[in-house]
Structures are given as C-alpha cells and as structure tokens.
Amino acid sequence: MHELAVSESILKIALENAEKAHASSIKSINLEIGQLASLVDESINFYWDIISEGTIAQGAVLTINRISVEMRCFDCGKVFIPDGESFECPDCSSIRVQVIRGDEMRVESIDVE
C-alpha cells in the first residue's frame, strides 16, 4: 500500500508541473529510486494506471531508474558499494557506516506536450 501514496505524490508533482508549463498532456515521467527504497516497481505502475485515469497523465509511461547503494564508513572514511551480503566496510571491517546514496526517490523529469 506504500506504493499507492508514492504514486499519488508522483501524480501530484506531475500535474502541478504540467499546469505551470501549460501542457495538454503528460507523456512520460522518469523516476530515480534507490535500491534501498522499499518500493516495488510493478506496484507503482499498477497504482499509477488507476490513479492517473481521467487526468492529463493518463497513459503516461513511468520509467524507473534504480540507483545503486553507496555507503561511507564513519571510522576510516571509505566510500564503497556494499557487496549485497553485508554493509561492513571492506577496508576496516567497521559496521559504523552511513548510506549516502541508494535510499532516495525523486522525479527526475516529466515529458509533456
């Protein structure tokens, strides 16, 4: 159900920006979603088709680009991509790490007509 709220937010952003651009229709929306964001692409698309019906966004294609995870070690400062098994720093083995990329979700661009 989390994806419904996300889809509603995407629609709101798209409609607001389309209105500012005096657009008659929204053709596509490009999204960036981090690998750690607990969102399912298929569910976003499912809800999108339902909530965009009857709006200028009906039929717009959502393109989802998944962003890889990057982390920074608090102890040694190493920036690394986790191996998928562990978030442990590969240089010093510390588990004191911070996600610096890969948990975001944003509308990258909106194509309108």
Protein backbone atom coordinates (compact mmCIF):
# COMPACT_ATOMS: atom_id res chain seq x y z
CA MET A 1 0.00 0.00 0.00
CA HIS A 2 3.05 2.27 0.43
CA GLU A 3 3.31 2.43 -3.36
CA LEU A 4 -0.19 3.98 -3.59
CA ALA A 5 0.92 7.03 -1.59
CA VAL A 6 4.10 7.28 -3.67
CA SER A 7 2.10 7.05 -6.90
CA GLU A 8 -0.26 9.76 -5.65
CA SER A 9 2.71 12.02 -4.88
CA ILE A 10 4.17 11.43 -8.34
CA LEU A 11 0.84 12.33 -9.92
CA LYS A 12 0.55 15.50 -7.83
CA ILE A 13 4.08 16.61 -8.80
CA ALA A 14 3.47 15.81 -12.46
CA LEU A 15 0.13 17.64 -12.63
CA GLU A 16 1.48 20.72 -10.83
CA ASN A 17 4.44 20.95 -13.19
CA ALA A 18 2.34 20.28 -16.28
CA GLU A 19 -0.01 23.09 -15.26
CA LYS A 20 2.93 25.50 -14.88
CA ALA A 21 4.08 24.53 -18.38
CA HIS A 22 0.53 24.90 -19.80
CA ALA A 23 0.73 21.31 -21.04
CA SER A 24 -2.20 19.47 -22.54
CA SER A 25 -0.85 16.02 -21.70
CA ILE A 26 1.90 14.22 -19.83
CA LYS A 27 3.71 11.66 -21.98
CA SER A 28 6.25 10.19 -19.59
CA ILE A 29 7.79 10.57 -16.17
CA ASN A 30 11.31 9.50 -15.32
CA LEU A 31 11.89 8.45 -11.72
CA GLU A 32 15.03 7.69 -9.74
CA ILE A 33 14.52 5.23 -6.92
CA GLY A 34 17.29 3.92 -4.70
CA GLN A 35 17.85 0.19 -4.32
CA LEU A 36 17.20 0.51 -0.59
CA ALA A 37 13.86 2.29 -1.04
CA SER A 38 11.24 -0.26 -0.08
CA LEU A 39 9.23 0.26 -3.25
CA VAL A 40 8.12 -2.31 -5.83
CA ASP A 41 8.24 -1.01 -9.40
CA GLU A 42 5.30 -3.14 -10.57
CA SER A 43 3.11 -1.86 -7.73
CA ILE A 44 3.92 1.76 -8.54
CA ASN A 45 2.95 1.15 -12.16
CA PHE A 46 -0.23 -0.68 -11.11
CA TYR A 47 -1.41 2.18 -8.92
CA TRP A 48 -0.28 4.75 -11.49
CA ASP A 49 -2.61 3.29 -14.12
CA ILE A 50 -5.54 3.54 -11.71
CA ILE A 51 -4.99 6.99 -10.21
CA SER A 52 -3.94 8.74 -13.43
CA GLU A 53 -7.13 7.70 -15.21
CA GLY A 54 -9.17 10.72 -16.27
CA THR A 55 -6.25 13.15 -15.87
CA ILE A 56 -3.83 14.59 -18.43
CA ALA A 57 -1.37 11.99 -17.15
CA GLN A 58 -3.49 9.04 -18.26
CA GLY A 59 -1.37 6.77 -20.42
CA ALA A 60 1.91 8.39 -19.35
CA VAL A 61 4.78 5.95 -19.13
CA LEU A 62 6.71 5.72 -15.88
CA THR A 63 10.38 4.92 -16.36
CA ILE A 64 12.11 3.83 -13.17
CA ASN A 65 15.88 4.06 -12.89
CA ARG A 66 17.23 2.21 -9.84
CA ILE A 67 20.10 3.94 -8.03
CA SER A 68 22.87 1.76 -6.58
CA VAL A 69 23.69 1.88 -2.89
CA GLU A 70 26.80 3.74 -1.75
CA MET A 71 27.98 3.90 1.83
CA ARG A 72 30.59 5.79 3.83
CA CYS A 73 32.47 4.33 6.76
CA PHE A 74 32.44 6.54 9.88
CA ASP A 75 35.71 5.04 11.09
CA CYS A 76 38.02 5.22 8.06
CA GLY A 77 36.02 7.44 5.64
CA LYS A 78 35.98 4.88 2.82
CA VAL A 79 33.11 5.29 0.33
CA PHE A 80 32.04 1.91 -1.01
CA ILE A 81 29.34 -0.09 -2.72
CA PRO A 82 28.19 -2.92 -0.43
CA ASP A 83 28.58 -6.44 -1.76
CA GLY A 84 24.93 -7.34 -1.13
CA GLU A 85 25.77 -9.68 1.73
CA SER A 86 26.97 -7.12 4.27
CA PHE A 87 27.18 -3.39 4.90
CA GLU A 88 30.57 -3.86 6.56
CA CYS A 89 33.39 -1.57 5.39
CA PRO A 90 35.67 -3.53 3.04
CA ASP A 91 38.77 -1.65 4.28
CA CYS A 92 38.47 -1.68 8.08
CA SER A 93 35.54 -4.09 8.68
CA SER A 94 33.63 -1.47 10.67
CA ILE A 95 29.86 -1.70 10.76
CA ARG A 96 29.61 2.02 11.62
CA VAL A 97 28.51 3.11 8.15
CA GLN A 98 26.12 5.61 6.62
CA VAL A 99 24.03 5.32 3.46
CA ILE A 100 24.99 8.24 1.22
CA ARG A 101 23.15 7.10 -1.90
CA GLY A 102 20.56 4.50 -2.74
CA ASP A 103 17.61 5.26 -0.46
CA GLU A 104 16.22 8.23 -2.37
CA MET A 105 13.14 8.60 -4.57
CA ARG A 106 12.67 11.55 -6.89
CA VAL A 107 11.02 12.67 -10.10
CA GLU A 108 13.93 13.22 -12.48
CA SER A 109 11.96 14.60 -15.45
CA ILE A 110 8.47 14.96 -16.88
CA ASP A 111 7.83 14.93 -20.63
CA VAL A 112 4.76 16.95 -21.59
CA GLU A 113 3.01 18.06 -24.73
